[in-house]
Each structure stands twice: as C-alpha cells, then as structure tokens.
Amino acid sequence: MFDRIRKMWRKKTAERPEERRPVAPRPEKRGHNLFEAAAAYVSACAEDDQDQIDEAAAWVSPEALSFGVNELACRAVIALARERDESPRTVARTLLGLPAT
C-alpha cells in the first residue's frame, strides 16, 4: 500500500518541476570535537581563565568533555613518562605530589 502511495507521490511531484523550491545550501559550520574542547578546557584551567573554561565546557556534553580530559591526561602522562624514562605510574604520582611506590 505504501509503495503505491510513494509511486503516486513521485509521479505528481515529477509533473510539477516548476513548483519545486530551490534547496538553499547549508553553511559549512563545523562544531568542536571533544578533543578540541578538552584541550581548550585544560589549557584554560591551567591559565585560570574562567571565561574560556565556560566556553570550552559548552562545546560538548559533560560526558564527552570528561572523556576528552581523561584521554588528554593519559596521553600527557605517557608522553612525560617516555621523556623522563620513567613509568607512567611514577610520573602520575609525582605530578599529583604523591610518594612514588
């Protein structure tokens, strides 16, 4: 039944091409991804820039921002561990001011 309705609709719209409205092109607006938001958020926190913190937090959902910040922290600890030739655990504990185990 729906197949017949669809065919009838296509036939009617094909008969009236002059009545079709032109499709307006969409603007090329790309949103921020969670990694951009996380980088902006963490750098704003490091600089104590509350306006930038609020702006970055509005770019993505709180869950996405949390994931991005966690991923950034993991990558930063791994990079520092490689640079210092230490374990990621030791680097993380040192950054937080905890005694090394």
C-alpha atoms as a PDB file:
ATOM      1  CA  MET A   1       0.000   0.000   0.000  1.00  0.00           C
ATOM      2  CA  PHE A   2       2.740   2.443   0.915  1.00  0.00           C
ATOM      3  CA  ASP A   3       4.540   1.518  -2.255  1.00  0.00           C
ATOM      4  CA  ARG A   4       1.575   2.696  -4.345  1.00  0.00           C
ATOM      5  CA  ILE A   5       1.320   5.951  -2.399  1.00  0.00           C
ATOM      6  CA  ARG A   6       5.041   6.589  -2.852  1.00  0.00           C
ATOM      7  CA  LYS A   7       4.788   5.965  -6.611  1.00  0.00           C
ATOM      8  CA  MET A   8       1.806   8.291  -6.907  1.00  0.00           C
ATOM      9  CA  TRP A   9       3.608  10.996  -4.952  1.00  0.00           C
ATOM     10  CA  ARG A  10       6.711  10.719  -7.133  1.00  0.00           C
ATOM     11  CA  LYS A  11       4.592  10.923 -10.264  1.00  0.00           C
ATOM     12  CA  LYS A  12       2.801  14.074  -9.064  1.00  0.00           C
ATOM     13  CA  THR A  13       5.994  15.808  -7.999  1.00  0.00           C
ATOM     14  CA  ALA A  14       7.672  14.894 -11.284  1.00  0.00           C
ATOM     15  CA  GLU A  15       4.829  16.548 -13.195  1.00  0.00           C
ATOM     16  CA  ARG A  16       5.368  19.876 -11.373  1.00  0.00           C
ATOM     17  CA  PRO A  17       9.079  20.681 -11.570  1.00  0.00           C
ATOM     18  CA  GLU A  18       8.413  24.438 -11.790  1.00  0.00           C
ATOM     19  CA  GLU A  19       6.834  24.420  -8.326  1.00  0.00           C
ATOM     20  CA  ARG A  20       9.847  22.956  -6.580  1.00  0.00           C
ATOM     21  CA  ARG A  21      11.660  25.318  -4.297  1.00  0.00           C
ATOM     22  CA  PRO A  22      15.409  25.539  -4.734  1.00  0.00           C
ATOM     23  CA  VAL A  23      17.360  23.991  -1.902  1.00  0.00           C
ATOM     24  CA  ALA A  24      19.403  26.546  -0.028  1.00  0.00           C
ATOM     25  CA  PRO A  25      22.992  25.428   0.506  1.00  0.00           C
ATOM     26  CA  ARG A  26      23.874  24.693   4.104  1.00  0.00           C
ATOM     27  CA  PRO A  27      26.577  26.804   5.655  1.00  0.00           C
ATOM     28  CA  GLU A  28      29.786  24.902   6.310  1.00  0.00           C
ATOM     29  CA  LYS A  29      29.626  25.153  10.096  1.00  0.00           C
ATOM     30  CA  ARG A  30      31.715  22.552  11.824  1.00  0.00           C
ATOM     31  CA  GLY A  31      31.257  22.059  15.528  1.00  0.00           C
ATOM     32  CA  HIS A  32      34.014  21.484  18.003  1.00  0.00           C
ATOM     33  CA  ASN A  33      35.003  17.918  18.698  1.00  0.00           C
ATOM     34  CA  LEU A  34      35.605  16.565  22.159  1.00  0.00           C
ATOM     35  CA  PHE A  35      39.396  16.685  21.871  1.00  0.00           C
ATOM     36  CA  GLU A  36      39.357  20.376  20.893  1.00  0.00           C
ATOM     37  CA  ALA A  37      37.038  21.043  23.821  1.00  0.00           C
ATOM     38  CA  ALA A  38      39.250  19.081  26.208  1.00  0.00           C
ATOM     39  CA  ALA A  39      42.416  20.857  25.069  1.00  0.00           C
ATOM     40  CA  ALA A  40      40.781  24.277  25.405  1.00  0.00           C
ATOM     41  CA  TYR A  41      39.277  23.364  28.794  1.00  0.00           C
ATOM     42  CA  VAL A  42      42.505  22.030  30.300  1.00  0.00           C
ATOM     43  CA  SER A  43      44.631  24.900  28.996  1.00  0.00           C
ATOM     44  CA  ALA A  44      42.060  27.392  30.328  1.00  0.00           C
ATOM     45  CA  CYS A  45      42.146  25.660  33.725  1.00  0.00           C
ATOM     46  CA  ALA A  46      45.946  25.874  33.745  1.00  0.00           C
ATOM     47  CA  GLU A  47      45.716  29.612  32.981  1.00  0.00           C
ATOM     48  CA  ASP A  48      42.796  30.112  35.424  1.00  0.00           C
ATOM     49  CA  ASP A  49      40.665  31.683  32.663  1.00  0.00           C
ATOM     50  CA  GLN A  50      37.065  31.156  33.790  1.00  0.00           C
ATOM     51  CA  ASP A  51      35.535  32.652  30.626  1.00  0.00           C
ATOM     52  CA  GLN A  52      37.445  30.222  28.420  1.00  0.00           C
ATOM     53  CA  ILE A  53      36.616  27.345  30.773  1.00  0.00           C
ATOM     54  CA  ASP A  54      32.902  28.109  30.459  1.00  0.00           C
ATOM     55  CA  GLU A  55      33.142  28.455  26.672  1.00  0.00           C
ATOM     56  CA  ALA A  56      35.004  25.173  26.192  1.00  0.00           C
ATOM     57  CA  ALA A  57      32.615  23.368  28.546  1.00  0.00           C
ATOM     58  CA  ALA A  58      29.688  24.485  26.377  1.00  0.00           C
ATOM     59  CA  TRP A  59      31.154  22.991  23.186  1.00  0.00           C
ATOM     60  CA  VAL A  60      30.351  19.363  24.037  1.00  0.00           C
ATOM     61  CA  SER A  61      28.344  17.385  26.565  1.00  0.00           C
ATOM     62  CA  PRO A  62      29.789  16.978  30.077  1.00  0.00           C
ATOM     63  CA  GLU A  63      30.320  13.267  29.416  1.00  0.00           C
ATOM     64  CA  ALA A  64      32.251  13.967  26.204  1.00  0.00           C
ATOM     65  CA  LEU A  65      34.340  16.633  27.938  1.00  0.00           C
ATOM     66  CA  SER A  66      35.143  14.222  30.759  1.00  0.00           C
ATOM     67  CA  PHE A  67      36.241  11.574  28.270  1.00  0.00           C
ATOM     68  CA  GLY A  68      38.382  14.097  26.384  1.00  0.00           C
ATOM     69  CA  VAL A  69      40.060  15.379  29.548  1.00  0.00           C
ATOM     70  CA  ASN A  70      40.763  11.798  30.641  1.00  0.00           C
ATOM     71  CA  GLU A  71      42.261  10.975  27.241  1.00  0.00           C
ATOM     72  CA  LEU A  72      44.389  14.128  27.339  1.00  0.00           C
ATOM     73  CA  ALA A  73      45.645  13.239  30.830  1.00  0.00           C
ATOM     74  CA  CYS A  74      46.564   9.716  29.736  1.00  0.00           C
ATOM     75  CA  ARG A  75      48.436  10.961  26.681  1.00  0.00           C
ATOM     76  CA  ALA A  76      50.247  13.634  28.709  1.00  0.00           C
ATOM     77  CA  VAL A  77      51.368  11.141  31.353  1.00  0.00           C
ATOM     78  CA  ILE A  78      52.578   8.704  28.697  1.00  0.00           C
ATOM     79  CA  ALA A  79      54.496  11.467  26.888  1.00  0.00           C
ATOM     80  CA  LEU A  80      56.141  12.633  30.115  1.00  0.00           C
ATOM     81  CA  ALA A  81      56.963   9.059  31.119  1.00  0.00           C
ATOM     82  CA  ARG A  82      58.734   8.475  27.813  1.00  0.00           C
ATOM     83  CA  GLU A  83      60.546  11.797  28.092  1.00  0.00           C
ATOM     84  CA  ARG A  84      61.697  11.067  31.651  1.00  0.00           C
ATOM     85  CA  ASP A  85      62.291   7.348  31.042  1.00  0.00           C
ATOM     86  CA  GLU A  86      60.011   6.524  33.970  1.00  0.00           C
ATOM     87  CA  SER A  87      56.835   4.511  34.339  1.00  0.00           C
ATOM     88  CA  PRO A  88      53.510   6.275  33.749  1.00  0.00           C
ATOM     89  CA  ARG A  89      52.526   5.365  37.334  1.00  0.00           C
ATOM     90  CA  THR A  90      55.599   7.110  38.763  1.00  0.00           C
ATOM     91  CA  VAL A  91      55.011  10.192  36.614  1.00  0.00           C
ATOM     92  CA  ALA A  92      51.329  10.398  37.548  1.00  0.00           C
ATOM     93  CA  ARG A  93      52.074  10.097  41.254  1.00  0.00           C
ATOM     94  CA  THR A  94      54.846  12.703  41.003  1.00  0.00           C
ATOM     95  CA  LEU A  95      52.536  15.154  39.191  1.00  0.00           C
ATOM     96  CA  LEU A  96      49.965  14.759  41.945  1.00  0.00           C
ATOM     97  CA  GLY A  97      52.566  15.126  44.702  1.00  0.00           C
ATOM     98  CA  LEU A  98      52.162  11.580  45.919  1.00  0.00           C
ATOM     99  CA  PRO A  99      55.068   9.439  47.091  1.00  0.00           C
ATOM    100  CA  ALA A 100      56.414   7.025  44.489  1.00  0.00           C
ATOM    101  CA  THR A 101      55.741   3.377  45.230  1.00  0.00           C
END
